[in-house]
Amino acid sequence: KQPKSGKILINNIHVEPENFAEVRRHIGFGFQDANDQLFMPT
């Protein structure tokens, strides 16, 4: 989600669309429903 205003930094990297790929290398995110992350045959 994108804030209306304000800043978010992960390891001094601004959380902005152009940096999403780099930011997500630093963060592990677990959703409420584990099934959202398990989709392969095994």
Full PDB file with SEQRES, HELIX, SHEET, SSBOND, CRYST1, ORIGX, SCALE, CONECT and MASTER records, all heavy atoms in Angstrom:
SEQRES   1 A   42  LYS GLN PRO LYS SER GLY LYS ILE LEU ILE ASN ASN ILE          
SEQRES   2 A   42  HIS VAL GLU PRO GLU ASN PHE ALA GLU VAL ARG ARG HIS          
SEQRES   3 A   42  ILE GLY PHE GLY PHE GLN ASP ALA ASN ASP GLN LEU PHE          
SEQRES   4 A   42  MET PRO THR                                                  
HELIX    1 AA1 PRO A   17  ASN A   19  5                                   3    
HELIX    2 AA2 PHE A   20  HIS A   26  1                                   7    
HELIX    3 AA3 ALA A   34  GLN A   37  5                                   4    
SHEET    1 AA1 2 LEU A   9  ILE A  10  0                                        
SHEET    2 AA1 2 ILE A  13  HIS A  14 -1                                        
CRYST1    1.000    1.000    1.000  90.00  90.00  90.00 P 1           1          
ORIGX1      1.000000  0.000000  0.000000        0.00000                         
ORIGX2      0.000000  1.000000  0.000000        0.00000                         
ORIGX3      0.000000  0.000000  1.000000        0.00000                         
SCALE1      1.000000  0.000000  0.000000        0.00000                         
SCALE2      0.000000  1.000000  0.000000        0.00000                         
SCALE3      0.000000  0.000000  1.000000        0.00000                         
ATOM      1  N   LYS A   1       0.859  -1.180   0.000  1.00  0.00           N  
ATOM      2  CA  LYS A   1       0.000   0.000   0.000  1.00  0.00           C  
ATOM      3  C   LYS A   1       0.898   1.233   0.000  1.00  0.00           C  
ATOM      4  O   LYS A   1       2.021   1.195   0.510  1.00  0.00           O  
ATOM      5  CB  LYS A   1      -0.931   0.014   1.217  1.00  0.00           C  
ATOM      6  CG  LYS A   1      -2.060  -1.004   1.135  1.00  0.00           C  
ATOM      7  CD  LYS A   1      -2.997  -0.876   2.323  1.00  0.00           C  
ATOM      8  CE  LYS A   1      -4.283  -1.673   2.129  1.00  0.00           C  
ATOM      9  NZ  LYS A   1      -4.044  -3.111   2.043  1.00  0.00           N  
ATOM     10  N   GLN A   2       0.389   2.319  -0.568  1.00  0.00           N  
ATOM     11  CA  GLN A   2       1.175   3.542  -0.695  1.00  0.00           C  
ATOM     12  C   GLN A   2       0.645   4.611   0.252  1.00  0.00           C  
ATOM     13  O   GLN A   2      -0.545   4.966   0.192  1.00  0.00           O  
ATOM     14  CB  GLN A   2       1.094   4.069  -2.129  1.00  0.00           C  
ATOM     15  CG  GLN A   2       1.614   3.106  -3.173  1.00  0.00           C  
ATOM     16  CD  GLN A   2       3.114   2.932  -3.075  1.00  0.00           C  
ATOM     17  OE1 GLN A   2       3.873   3.878  -3.233  1.00  0.00           O  
ATOM     18  NE2 GLN A   2       3.542   1.721  -2.791  1.00  0.00           N  
ATOM     19  N   PRO A   3       1.476   5.165   1.137  1.00  0.00           N  
ATOM     20  CA  PRO A   3       1.001   6.210   2.049  1.00  0.00           C  
ATOM     21  C   PRO A   3       0.649   7.489   1.299  1.00  0.00           C  
ATOM     22  O   PRO A   3       1.191   7.771   0.228  1.00  0.00           O  
ATOM     23  CB  PRO A   3       2.190   6.422   2.984  1.00  0.00           C  
ATOM     24  CG  PRO A   3       3.374   5.990   2.202  1.00  0.00           C  
ATOM     25  CD  PRO A   3       2.903   4.874   1.320  1.00  0.00           C  
ATOM     26  N   LYS A   4      -0.255   8.251   1.895  1.00  0.00           N  
ATOM     27  CA  LYS A   4      -0.607   9.563   1.335  1.00  0.00           C  
ATOM     28  C   LYS A   4       0.554  10.535   1.514  1.00  0.00           C  
ATOM     29  O   LYS A   4       0.807  11.384   0.655  1.00  0.00           O  
ATOM     30  CB  LYS A   4      -1.880  10.084   2.002  1.00  0.00           C  
ATOM     31  CG  LYS A   4      -2.401  11.378   1.409  1.00  0.00           C  
ATOM     32  CD  LYS A   4      -3.874  11.598   1.734  1.00  0.00           C  
ATOM     33  CE  LYS A   4      -4.100  11.820   3.221  1.00  0.00           C  
ATOM     34  NZ  LYS A   4      -5.515  12.176   3.516  1.00  0.00           N  
ATOM     35  N   SER A   5       1.245  10.401   2.639  1.00  0.00           N  
ATOM     36  CA  SER A   5       2.420  11.230   2.896  1.00  0.00           C  
ATOM     37  C   SER A   5       3.276  10.542   3.944  1.00  0.00           C  
ATOM     38  O   SER A   5       2.871   9.576   4.583  1.00  0.00           O  
ATOM     39  CB  SER A   5       2.018  12.633   3.366  1.00  0.00           C  
ATOM     40  OG  SER A   5       1.279  12.554   4.573  1.00  0.00           O  
ATOM     41  N   GLY A   6       4.491  11.048   4.129  1.00  0.00           N  
ATOM     42  CA  GLY A   6       5.417  10.476   5.092  1.00  0.00           C  
ATOM     43  C   GLY A   6       6.491   9.649   4.414  1.00  0.00           C  
ATOM     44  O   GLY A   6       6.490   9.471   3.190  1.00  0.00           O  
ATOM     45  N   LYS A   7       7.430   9.171   5.231  1.00  0.00           N  
ATOM     46  CA  LYS A   7       8.570   8.419   4.712  1.00  0.00           C  
ATOM     47  C   LYS A   7       8.715   7.089   5.445  1.00  0.00           C  
ATOM     48  O   LYS A   7       8.491   6.999   6.642  1.00  0.00           O  
ATOM     49  CB  LYS A   7       9.867   9.210   4.875  1.00  0.00           C  
ATOM     50  CG  LYS A   7       9.988  10.454   4.013  1.00  0.00           C  
ATOM     51  CD  LYS A   7      11.416  10.990   4.019  1.00  0.00           C  
ATOM     52  CE  LYS A   7      11.918  11.297   5.417  1.00  0.00           C  
ATOM     53  NZ  LYS A   7      13.290  11.875   5.407  1.00  0.00           N  
ATOM     54  N   ILE A   8       9.141   6.075   4.696  1.00  0.00           N  
ATOM     55  CA  ILE A   8       9.488   4.776   5.263  1.00  0.00           C  
ATOM     56  C   ILE A   8      10.856   4.405   4.708  1.00  0.00           C  
ATOM     57  O   ILE A   8      11.087   4.466   3.489  1.00  0.00           O  
ATOM     58  CB  ILE A   8       8.467   3.694   4.877  1.00  0.00           C  
ATOM     59  CG1 ILE A   8       7.050   4.094   5.273  1.00  0.00           C  
ATOM     60  CG2 ILE A   8       8.845   2.358   5.519  1.00  0.00           C  
ATOM     61  CD1 ILE A   8       5.983   3.208   4.667  1.00  0.00           C  
ATOM     62  N   LEU A   9      11.768   4.022   5.592  1.00  0.00           N  
ATOM     63  CA  LEU A   9      13.093   3.599   5.162  1.00  0.00           C  
ATOM     64  C   LEU A   9      13.396   2.219   5.746  1.00  0.00           C  
ATOM     65  O   LEU A   9      13.199   1.980   6.942  1.00  0.00           O  
ATOM     66  CB  LEU A   9      14.172   4.576   5.600  1.00  0.00           C  
ATOM     67  CG  LEU A   9      14.119   5.974   4.976  1.00  0.00           C  
ATOM     68  CD1 LEU A   9      13.399   6.942   5.923  1.00  0.00           C  
ATOM     69  CD2 LEU A   9      15.540   6.479   4.698  1.00  0.00           C  
ATOM     70  N   ILE A  10      13.877   1.322   4.902  1.00  0.00           N  
ATOM     71  CA  ILE A  10      14.330   0.002   5.311  1.00  0.00           C  
ATOM     72  C   ILE A  10      15.829  -0.052   5.063  1.00  0.00           C  
ATOM     73  O   ILE A  10      16.277   0.046   3.914  1.00  0.00           O  
ATOM     74  CB  ILE A  10      13.626  -1.113   4.506  1.00  0.00           C  
ATOM     75  CG1 ILE A  10      12.103  -1.008   4.649  1.00  0.00           C  
ATOM     76  CG2 ILE A  10      14.144  -2.476   4.927  1.00  0.00           C  
ATOM     77  CD1 ILE A  10      11.565  -1.290   6.026  1.00  0.00           C  
ATOM     78  N   ASN A  11      16.615  -0.181   6.120  1.00  0.00           N  
ATOM     79  CA  ASN A  11      18.077  -0.141   5.985  1.00  0.00           C  
ATOM     80  C   ASN A  11      18.515   1.066   5.146  1.00  0.00           C  
ATOM     81  O   ASN A  11      19.357   0.957   4.244  1.00  0.00           O  
ATOM     82  CB  ASN A  11      18.609  -1.445   5.380  1.00  0.00           C  
ATOM     83  CG  ASN A  11      18.580  -2.586   6.370  1.00  0.00           C  
ATOM     84  OD1 ASN A  11      18.701  -2.391   7.576  1.00  0.00           O  
ATOM     85  ND2 ASN A  11      18.414  -3.803   5.878  1.00  0.00           N  
ATOM     86  N   ASN A  12      17.898   2.217   5.452  1.00  0.00           N  
ATOM     87  CA  ASN A  12      18.193   3.500   4.798  1.00  0.00           C  
ATOM     88  C   ASN A  12      17.781   3.564   3.324  1.00  0.00           C  
ATOM     89  O   ASN A  12      18.171   4.491   2.610  1.00  0.00           O  
ATOM     90  CB  ASN A  12      19.686   3.859   4.926  1.00  0.00           C  
ATOM     91  CG  ASN A  12      20.064   4.198   6.351  1.00  0.00           C  
ATOM     92  OD1 ASN A  12      19.336   4.907   7.042  1.00  0.00           O  
ATOM     93  ND2 ASN A  12      21.204   3.686   6.800  1.00  0.00           N  
ATOM     94  N   ILE A  13      16.978   2.601   2.881  1.00  0.00           N  
ATOM     95  CA  ILE A  13      16.446   2.626   1.514  1.00  0.00           C  
ATOM     96  C   ILE A  13      15.000   3.112   1.578  1.00  0.00           C  
ATOM     97  O   ILE A  13      14.192   2.561   2.323  1.00  0.00           O  
ATOM     98  CB  ILE A  13      16.485   1.223   0.875  1.00  0.00           C  
ATOM     99  CG1 ILE A  13      17.904   0.652   0.909  1.00  0.00           C  
ATOM    100  CG2 ILE A  13      15.958   1.282  -0.562  1.00  0.00           C  
ATOM    101  CD1 ILE A  13      17.951  -0.833   0.618  1.00  0.00           C  
ATOM    102  N   HIS A  14      14.666   4.131   0.816  1.00  0.00           N  
ATOM    103  CA  HIS A  14      13.298   4.642   0.799  1.00  0.00           C  
ATOM    104  C   HIS A  14      12.368   3.606   0.181  1.00  0.00           C  
ATOM    105  O   HIS A  14      12.668   3.035  -0.877  1.00  0.00           O  
ATOM    106  CB  HIS A  14      13.221   5.948  -0.007  1.00  0.00           C  
ATOM    107  CG  HIS A  14      13.769   7.136   0.721  1.00  0.00           C  
ATOM    108  ND1 HIS A  14      12.984   7.949   1.516  1.00  0.00           N  
ATOM    109  CD2 HIS A  14      15.027   7.633   0.792  1.00  0.00           C  
ATOM    110  CE1 HIS A  14      13.739   8.907   2.036  1.00  0.00           C  
ATOM    111  NE2 HIS A  14      14.980   8.736   1.615  1.00  0.00           N  
ATOM    112  N   VAL A  15      11.255   3.352   0.857  1.00  0.00           N  
ATOM    113  CA  VAL A  15      10.249   2.430   0.324  1.00  0.00           C  
ATOM    114  C   VAL A  15       9.416   3.202  -0.692  1.00  0.00           C  
ATOM    115  O   VAL A  15       8.426   3.861  -0.370  1.00  0.00           O  
ATOM    116  CB  VAL A  15       9.377   1.845   1.452  1.00  0.00           C  
ATOM    117  CG1 VAL A  15       8.335   0.891   0.874  1.00  0.00           C  
ATOM    118  CG2 VAL A  15      10.245   1.119   2.473  1.00  0.00           C  
ATOM    119  N   GLU A  16       9.860   3.127  -1.930  1.00  0.00           N  
ATOM    120  CA  GLU A  16       9.220   3.795  -3.061  1.00  0.00           C  
ATOM    121  C   GLU A  16       9.208   2.809  -4.221  1.00  0.00           C  
ATOM    122  O   GLU A  16      10.031   1.883  -4.261  1.00  0.00           O  
ATOM    123  CB  GLU A  16       9.984   5.059  -3.450  1.00  0.00           C  
ATOM    124  CG  GLU A  16      10.023   6.113  -2.353  1.00  0.00           C  
ATOM    125  CD  GLU A  16      10.935   7.276  -2.672  1.00  0.00           C  
ATOM    126  OE1 GLU A  16      11.872   7.094  -3.481  1.00  0.00           O  
ATOM    127  OE2 GLU A  16      10.719   8.360  -2.108  1.00  0.00           O  
ATOM    128  N   PRO A  17       8.261   2.980  -5.160  1.00  0.00           N  
ATOM    129  CA  PRO A  17       8.123   1.991  -6.237  1.00  0.00           C  
ATOM    130  C   PRO A  17       9.430   1.606  -6.921  1.00  0.00           C  
ATOM    131  O   PRO A  17       9.664   0.424  -7.211  1.00  0.00           O  
ATOM    132  CB  PRO A  17       7.145   2.673  -7.202  1.00  0.00           C  
ATOM    133  CG  PRO A  17       6.290   3.512  -6.313  1.00  0.00           C  
ATOM    134  CD  PRO A  17       7.216   4.023  -5.236  1.00  0.00           C  
ATOM    135  N   GLU A  18      10.298   2.578  -7.176  1.00  0.00           N  
ATOM    136  CA  GLU A  18      11.539   2.264  -7.884  1.00  0.00           C  
ATOM    137  C   GLU A  18      12.503   1.424  -7.040  1.00  0.00           C  
ATOM    138  O   GLU A  18      13.456   0.836  -7.575  1.00  0.00           O  
ATOM    139  CB  GLU A  18      12.242   3.539  -8.360  1.00  0.00           C  
ATOM    140  CG  GLU A  18      12.634   4.508  -7.249  1.00  0.00           C  
ATOM    141  CD  GLU A  18      11.568   5.556  -6.986  1.00  0.00           C  
ATOM    142  OE1 GLU A  18      10.379   5.274  -7.214  1.00  0.00           O  
ATOM    143  OE2 GLU A  18      11.947   6.656  -6.537  1.00  0.00           O  
ATOM    144  N   ASN A  19      12.246   1.353  -5.719  1.00  0.00           N  
ATOM    145  CA  ASN A  19      13.135   0.605  -4.831  1.00  0.00           C  
ATOM    146  C   ASN A  19      12.505  -0.680  -4.280  1.00  0.00           C  
ATOM    147  O   ASN A  19      13.124  -1.361  -3.470  1.00  0.00           O  
ATOM    148  CB  ASN A  19      13.550   1.479  -3.633  1.00  0.00           C  
ATOM    149  CG  ASN A  19      14.340   2.697  -4.043  1.00  0.00           C  
ATOM    150  OD1 ASN A  19      15.055   2.682  -5.039  1.00  0.00           O  
ATOM    151  ND2 ASN A  19      14.208   3.773  -3.280  1.00  0.00           N  
ATOM    152  N   PHE A  20      11.272  -1.004  -4.700  1.00  0.00           N  
ATOM    153  CA  PHE A  20      10.568  -2.125  -4.087  1.00  0.00           C  
ATOM    154  C   PHE A  20      11.356  -3.432  -4.164  1.00  0.00           C  
ATOM    155  O   PHE A  20      11.422  -4.190  -3.200  1.00  0.00           O  
ATOM    156  CB  PHE A  20       9.195  -2.323  -4.739  1.00  0.00           C  
ATOM    157  CG  PHE A  20       8.156  -1.334  -4.300  1.00  0.00           C  
ATOM    158  CD1 PHE A  20       6.941  -1.240  -4.964  1.00  0.00           C  
ATOM    159  CD2 PHE A  20       8.381  -0.493  -3.214  1.00  0.00           C  
ATOM    160  CE1 PHE A  20       5.976  -0.325  -4.575  1.00  0.00           C  
ATOM    161  CE2 PHE A  20       7.425   0.439  -2.810  1.00  0.00           C  
ATOM    162  CZ  PHE A  20       6.224   0.505  -3.497  1.00  0.00           C  
ATOM    163  N   ALA A  21      11.946  -3.719  -5.307  1.00  0.00           N  
ATOM    164  CA  ALA A  21      12.669  -4.982  -5.463  1.00  0.00           C  
ATOM    165  C   ALA A  21      13.826  -5.067  -4.470  1.00  0.00           C  
ATOM    166  O   ALA A  21      14.042  -6.111  -3.840  1.00  0.00           O  
ATOM    167  CB  ALA A  21      13.183  -5.127  -6.890  1.00  0.00           C  
ATOM    168  N   GLU A  22      14.554  -3.962  -4.303  1.00  0.00           N  
ATOM    169  CA  GLU A  22      15.685  -3.952  -3.371  1.00  0.00           C  
ATOM    170  C   GLU A  22      15.208  -4.046  -1.930  1.00  0.00           C  
ATOM    171  O   GLU A  22      15.762  -4.801  -1.119  1.00  0.00           O  
ATOM    172  CB  GLU A  22      16.507  -2.683  -3.573  1.00  0.00           C  
ATOM    173  CG  GLU A  22      17.769  -2.630  -2.721  1.00  0.00           C  
ATOM    174  CD  GLU A  22      18.574  -1.365  -2.940  1.00  0.00           C  
ATOM    175  OE1 GLU A  22      18.125  -0.474  -3.691  1.00  0.00           O  
ATOM    176  OE2 GLU A  22      19.661  -1.261  -2.336  1.00  0.00           O  
ATOM    177  N   VAL A  23      14.146  -3.285  -1.601  1.00  0.00           N  
ATOM    178  CA  VAL A  23      13.602  -3.300  -0.244  1.00  0.00           C  
ATOM    179  C   VAL A  23      13.170  -4.705   0.152  1.00  0.00           C  
ATOM    180  O   VAL A  23      13.436  -5.175   1.275  1.00  0.00           O  
ATOM    181  CB  VAL A  23      12.418  -2.316  -0.135  1.00  0.00           C  
ATOM    182  CG1 VAL A  23      11.603  -2.585   1.122  1.00  0.00           C  
ATOM    183  CG2 VAL A  23      12.920  -0.875  -0.132  1.00  0.00           C  
ATOM    184  N   ARG A  24      12.507  -5.391  -0.761  1.00  0.00           N  
ATOM    185  CA  ARG A  24      11.956  -6.705  -0.431  1.00  0.00           C  
ATOM    186  C   ARG A  24      13.010  -7.785  -0.305  1.00  0.00           C  
ATOM    187  O   ARG A  24      12.723  -8.872   0.193  1.00  0.00           O  
ATOM    188  CB  ARG A  24      10.877  -7.061  -1.459  1.00  0.00           C  
ATOM    189  CG  ARG A  24       9.625  -6.203  -1.268  1.00  0.00           C  
ATOM    190  CD  ARG A  24       8.632  -6.321  -2.401  1.00  0.00           C  
ATOM    191  NE  ARG A  24       7.511  -5.391  -2.189  1.00  0.00           N  
ATOM    192  CZ  ARG A  24       6.634  -5.075  -3.114  1.00  0.00           C  
ATOM    193  NH1 ARG A  24       6.720  -5.604  -4.331  1.00  0.00           N  
ATOM    194  NH2 ARG A  24       5.652  -4.228  -2.846  1.00  0.00           N  
ATOM    195  N   ARG A  25      14.237  -7.491  -0.713  1.00  0.00           N  
ATOM    196  CA  ARG A  25      15.339  -8.419  -0.443  1.00  0.00           C  
ATOM    197  C   ARG A  25      15.727  -8.382   1.031  1.00  0.00           C  
ATOM    198  O   ARG A  25      16.345  -9.326   1.544  1.00  0.00           O  
ATOM    199  CB  ARG A  25      16.570  -8.074  -1.297  1.00  0.00           C  
ATOM    200  CG  ARG A  25      16.411  -8.318  -2.775  1.00  0.00           C  
ATOM    201  CD  ARG A  25      16.203  -9.776  -3.129  1.00  0.00           C  
ATOM    202  NE  ARG A  25      17.318 -10.614  -2.740  1.00  0.00           N  
ATOM    203  CZ  ARG A  25      18.331 -10.931  -3.553  1.00  0.00           C  
ATOM    204  NH1 ARG A  25      18.354 -10.478  -4.791  1.00  0.00           N  
ATOM    205  NH2 ARG A  25      19.300 -11.714  -3.134  1.00  0.00           N  
ATOM    206  N   HIS A  26      15.388  -7.298   1.720  1.00  0.00           N  
ATOM    207  CA  HIS A  26      15.763  -7.133   3.127  1.00  0.00           C  
ATOM    208  C   HIS A  26      14.675  -7.617   4.084  1.00  0.00           C  
ATOM    209  O   HIS A  26      14.952  -7.818   5.277  1.00  0.00           O  
ATOM    210  CB  HIS A  26      16.050  -5.659   3.423  1.00  0.00           C  
ATOM    211  CG  HIS A  26      17.258  -5.120   2.723  1.00  0.00           C  
ATOM    212  ND1 HIS A  26      18.526  -5.149   3.278  1.00  0.00           N  
ATOM    213  CD2 HIS A  26      17.394  -4.546   1.501  1.00  0.00           C  
ATOM    214  CE1 HIS A  26      19.387  -4.617   2.428  1.00  0.00           C  
ATOM    215  NE2 HIS A  26      18.731  -4.240   1.343  1.00  0.00           N  
ATOM    216  N   ILE A  27      13.440  -7.762   3.581  1.00  0.00           N  
ATOM    217  CA  ILE A  27      12.303  -8.038   4.453  1.00  0.00           C  
ATOM    218  C   ILE A  27      11.689  -9.396   4.142  1.00  0.00           C  
ATOM    219  O   ILE A  27      11.482  -9.748   2.982  1.00  0.00           O  
ATOM    220  CB  ILE A  27      11.210  -6.959   4.291  1.00  0.00           C  
ATOM    221  CG1 ILE A  27      11.707  -5.615   4.792  1.00  0.00           C  
ATOM    222  CG2 ILE A  27       9.946  -7.338   5.058  1.00  0.00           C  
ATOM    223  CD1 ILE A  27      10.699  -4.503   4.632  1.00  0.00           C  
ATOM    224  N   GLY A  28      11.390 -10.149   5.197  1.00  0.00           N  
ATOM    225  CA  GLY A  28      10.557 -11.330   5.068  1.00  0.00           C  
ATOM    226  C   GLY A  28       9.188 -11.006   5.637  1.00  0.00           C  
ATOM    227  O   GLY A  28       9.084 -10.561   6.786  1.00  0.00           O  
ATOM    228  N   PHE A  29       8.144 -11.185   4.829  1.00  0.00           N  
ATOM    229  CA  PHE A  29       6.797 -10.797   5.246  1.00  0.00           C  
ATOM    230  C   PHE A  29       5.896 -12.019   5.274  1.00  0.00           C  
ATOM    231  O   PHE A  29       5.758 -12.726   4.271  1.00  0.00           O  
ATOM    232  CB  PHE A  29       6.223  -9.748   4.300  1.00  0.00           C  
ATOM    233  CG  PHE A  29       4.887  -9.192   4.736  1.00  0.00           C  
ATOM    234  CD1 PHE A  29       4.822  -8.178   5.674  1.00  0.00           C  
ATOM    235  CD2 PHE A  29       3.704  -9.705   4.234  1.00  0.00           C  
ATOM    236  CE1 PHE A  29       3.605  -7.664   6.091  1.00  0.00           C  
ATOM    237  CE2 PHE A  29       2.471  -9.202   4.638  1.00  0.00           C  
ATOM    238  CZ  PHE A  29       2.425  -8.182   5.568  1.00  0.00           C  
ATOM    239  N   GLY A  30       5.252 -12.254   6.423  1.00  0.00           N  
ATOM    240  CA  GLY A  30       4.320 -13.358   6.567  1.00  0.00           C  
ATOM    241  C   GLY A  30       2.892 -12.853   6.621  1.00  0.00           C  
ATOM    242  O   GLY A  30       2.521 -12.110   7.533  1.00  0.00           O  
ATOM    243  N   PHE A  31       2.089 -13.250   5.646  1.00  0.00           N  
ATOM    244  CA  PHE A  31       0.688 -12.842   5.608  1.00  0.00           C  
ATOM    245  C   PHE A  31      -0.126 -13.578   6.677  1.00  0.00           C  
ATOM    246  O   PHE A  31       0.297 -14.607   7.207  1.00  0.00           O  
ATOM    247  CB  PHE A  31       0.094 -13.138   4.224  1.00  0.00           C  
ATOM    248  CG  PHE A  31       0.656 -12.286   3.124  1.00  0.00           C  
ATOM    249  CD1 PHE A  31       1.761 -12.701   2.400  1.00  0.00           C  
ATOM    250  CD2 PHE A  31       0.085 -11.055   2.817  1.00  0.00           C  
ATOM    251  CE1 PHE A  31       2.283 -11.918   1.379  1.00  0.00           C  
ATOM    252  CE2 PHE A  31       0.601 -10.267   1.800  1.00  0.00           C  
ATOM    253  CZ  PHE A  31       1.705 -10.701   1.085  1.00  0.00           C  
ATOM    254  N   GLN A  32      -1.324 -13.053   6.949  1.00  0.00           N  
ATOM    255  CA  GLN A  32      -2.207 -13.683   7.934  1.00  0.00           C  
ATOM    256  C   GLN A  32      -2.531 -15.121   7.555  1.00  0.00           C  
ATOM    257  O   GLN A  32      -2.567 -16.004   8.405  1.00  0.00           O  
ATOM    258  CB  GLN A  32      -3.510 -12.896   8.074  1.00  0.00           C  
ATOM    259  CG  GLN A  32      -3.380 -11.599   8.827  1.00  0.00           C  
ATOM    260  CD  GLN A  32      -4.729 -10.990   9.175  1.00  0.00           C  
ATOM    261  OE1 GLN A  32      -5.688 -11.709   9.426  1.00  0.00           O  
ATOM    262  NE2 GLN A  32      -4.803  -9.674   9.194  1.00  0.00           N  
ATOM    263  N   ASP A  33      -2.779 -15.364   6.276  1.00  0.00           N  
ATOM    264  CA  ASP A  33      -3.134 -16.696   5.795  1.00  0.00           C  
ATOM    265  C   ASP A  33      -1.905 -17.340   5.164  1.00  0.00           C  
ATOM    266  O   ASP A  33      -1.436 -16.892   4.114  1.00  0.00           O  
ATOM    267  CB  ASP A  33      -4.270 -16.592   4.773  1.00  0.00           C  
ATOM    268  CG  ASP A  33      -4.821 -17.952   4.360  1.00  0.00           C  
ATOM    269  OD1 ASP A  33      -4.187 -18.985   4.679  1.00  0.00           O  
ATOM    270  OD2 ASP A  33      -5.885 -17.983   3.727  1.00  0.00           O  
ATOM    271  N   ALA A  34      -1.404 -18.398   5.795  1.00  0.00           N  
ATOM    272  CA  ALA A  34      -0.213 -19.071   5.274  1.00  0.00           C  
ATOM    273  C   ALA A  34      -0.423 -19.598   3.866  1.00  0.00           C  
ATOM    274  O   ALA A  34       0.536 -19.722   3.085  1.00  0.00           O  
ATOM    275  CB  ALA A  34       0.177 -20.222   6.208  1.00  0.00           C  
ATOM    276  N   ASN A  35      -1.672 -19.896   3.510  1.00  0.00           N  
ATOM    277  CA  ASN A  35      -1.947 -20.421   2.169  1.00  0.00           C  
ATOM    278  C   ASN A  35      -1.616 -19.414   1.073  1.00  0.00           C  
ATOM    279  O   ASN A  35      -1.427 -19.804  -0.086  1.00  0.00           O  
ATOM    280  CB  ASN A  35      -3.410 -20.854   2.066  1.00  0.00           C  
ATOM    281  CG  ASN A  35      -3.713 -22.052   2.940  1.00  0.00           C  
ATOM    282  OD1 ASN A  35      -2.921 -22.989   3.012  1.00  0.00           O  
ATOM    283  ND2 ASN A  35      -4.851 -22.031   3.623  1.00  0.00           N  
ATOM    284  N   ASP A  36      -1.554 -18.128   1.431  1.00  0.00           N  
ATOM    285  CA  ASP A  36      -1.186 -17.117   0.442  1.00  0.00           C  
ATOM    286  C   ASP A  36       0.261 -17.260  -0.009  1.00  0.00           C  
ATOM    287  O   ASP A  36       0.655 -16.682  -1.030  1.00  0.00           O  
ATOM    288  CB  ASP A  36      -1.402 -15.703   1.012  1.00  0.00           C  
ATOM    289  CG  ASP A  36      -2.863 -15.356   1.181  1.00  0.00           C  
ATOM    290  OD1 ASP A  36      -3.707 -16.016   0.545  1.00  0.00           O  
ATOM    291  OD2 ASP A  36      -3.171 -14.437   1.968  1.00  0.00           O  
ATOM    292  N   GLN A  37       1.072 -17.994   0.754  1.00  0.00           N  
ATOM    293  CA  GLN A  37       2.486 -18.137   0.433  1.00  0.00           C  
ATOM    294  C   GLN A  37       2.870 -19.549   0.011  1.00  0.00           C  
ATOM    295  O   GLN A  37       4.031 -19.793  -0.305  1.00  0.00           O  
ATOM    296  CB  GLN A  37       3.323 -17.699   1.647  1.00  0.00           C  
ATOM    297  CG  GLN A  37       3.190 -16.208   1.907  1.00  0.00           C  
ATOM    298  CD  GLN A  37       3.849 -15.781   3.197  1.00  0.00           C  
ATOM    299  OE1 GLN A  37       3.214 -15.635   4.230  1.00  0.00           O  
ATOM    300  NE2 GLN A  37       5.138 -15.550   3.135  1.00  0.00           N  
ATOM    301  N   LEU A  38       1.909 -20.462   0.004  1.00  0.00           N  
ATOM    302  CA  LEU A  38       2.183 -21.853  -0.352  1.00  0.00           C  
ATOM    303  C   LEU A  38       1.337 -22.208  -1.568  1.00  0.00           C  
ATOM    304  O   LEU A  38       0.127 -22.379  -1.460  1.00  0.00           O  
ATOM    305  CB  LEU A  38       1.859 -22.775   0.832  1.00  0.00           C  
ATOM    306  CG  LEU A  38       2.615 -22.476   2.136  1.00  0.00           C  
ATOM    307  CD1 LEU A  38       2.071 -23.321   3.271  1.00  0.00           C  
ATOM    308  CD2 LEU A  38       4.115 -22.699   1.965  1.00  0.00           C  
ATOM    309  N   PHE A  39       1.962 -22.318  -2.719  1.00  0.00           N  
ATOM    310  CA  PHE A  39       1.207 -22.497  -3.963  1.00  0.00           C  
ATOM    311  C   PHE A  39       1.818 -23.537  -4.902  1.00  0.00           C  
ATOM    312  O   PHE A  39       1.261 -23.824  -5.956  1.00  0.00           O  
ATOM    313  CB  PHE A  39       1.099 -21.152  -4.699  1.00  0.00           C  
ATOM    314  CG  PHE A  39       2.428 -20.461  -4.881  1.00  0.00           C  
ATOM    315  CD1 PHE A  39       3.241 -20.762  -5.951  1.00  0.00           C  
ATOM    316  CD2 PHE A  39       2.863 -19.515  -3.957  1.00  0.00           C  
ATOM    317  CE1 PHE A  39       4.465 -20.141  -6.120  1.00  0.00           C  
ATOM    318  CE2 PHE A  39       4.084 -18.878  -4.116  1.00  0.00           C  
ATOM    319  CZ  PHE A  39       4.889 -19.196  -5.200  1.00  0.00           C  
ATOM    320  N   MET A  40       2.962 -24.099  -4.534  1.00  0.00           N  
ATOM    321  CA  MET A  40       3.625 -25.087  -5.375  1.00  0.00           C  
ATOM    322  C   MET A  40       3.087 -26.494  -5.062  1.00  0.00           C  
ATOM    323  O   MET A  40       2.426 -26.705  -4.049  1.00  0.00           O  
ATOM    324  CB  MET A  40       5.134 -25.016  -5.157  1.00  0.00           C  
ATOM    325  CG  MET A  40       5.754 -23.683  -5.540  1.00  0.00           C  
ATOM    326  SD  MET A  40       5.650 -23.333  -7.322  1.00  0.00           S  
ATOM    327  CE  MET A  40       6.902 -24.451  -7.952  1.00  0.00           C  
ATOM    328  N   PRO A  41       3.388 -27.478  -5.917  1.00  0.00           N  
ATOM    329  CA  PRO A  41       2.861 -28.833  -5.684  1.00  0.00           C  
ATOM    330  C   PRO A  41       3.326 -29.473  -4.383  1.00  0.00           C  
ATOM    331  O   PRO A  41       2.591 -30.270  -3.789  1.00  0.00           O  
ATOM    332  CB  PRO A  41       3.376 -29.614  -6.898  1.00  0.00           C  
ATOM    333  CG  PRO A  41       3.568 -28.591  -7.965  1.00  0.00           C  
ATOM    334  CD  PRO A  41       4.032 -27.356  -7.243  1.00  0.00           C  
ATOM    335  N   THR A  42       4.547 -29.143  -3.928  1.00  0.00           N  
ATOM    336  CA  THR A  42       5.045 -29.709  -2.674  1.00  0.00           C  
ATOM    337  C   THR A  42       5.646 -28.615  -1.798  1.00  0.00           C  
ATOM    338  O   THR A  42       6.022 -27.543  -2.295  1.00  0.00           O  
ATOM    339  CB  THR A  42       6.142 -30.768  -2.921  1.00  0.00           C  
ATOM    340  OG1 THR A  42       7.321 -30.114  -3.437  1.00  0.00           O  
ATOM    341  CG2 THR A  42       5.672 -31.843  -3.897  1.00  0.00           C  
TER     342      THR A  42                                                      
MASTER        0    0    0    3    2    0    0    6  341    1    0    4          
END                                                                             
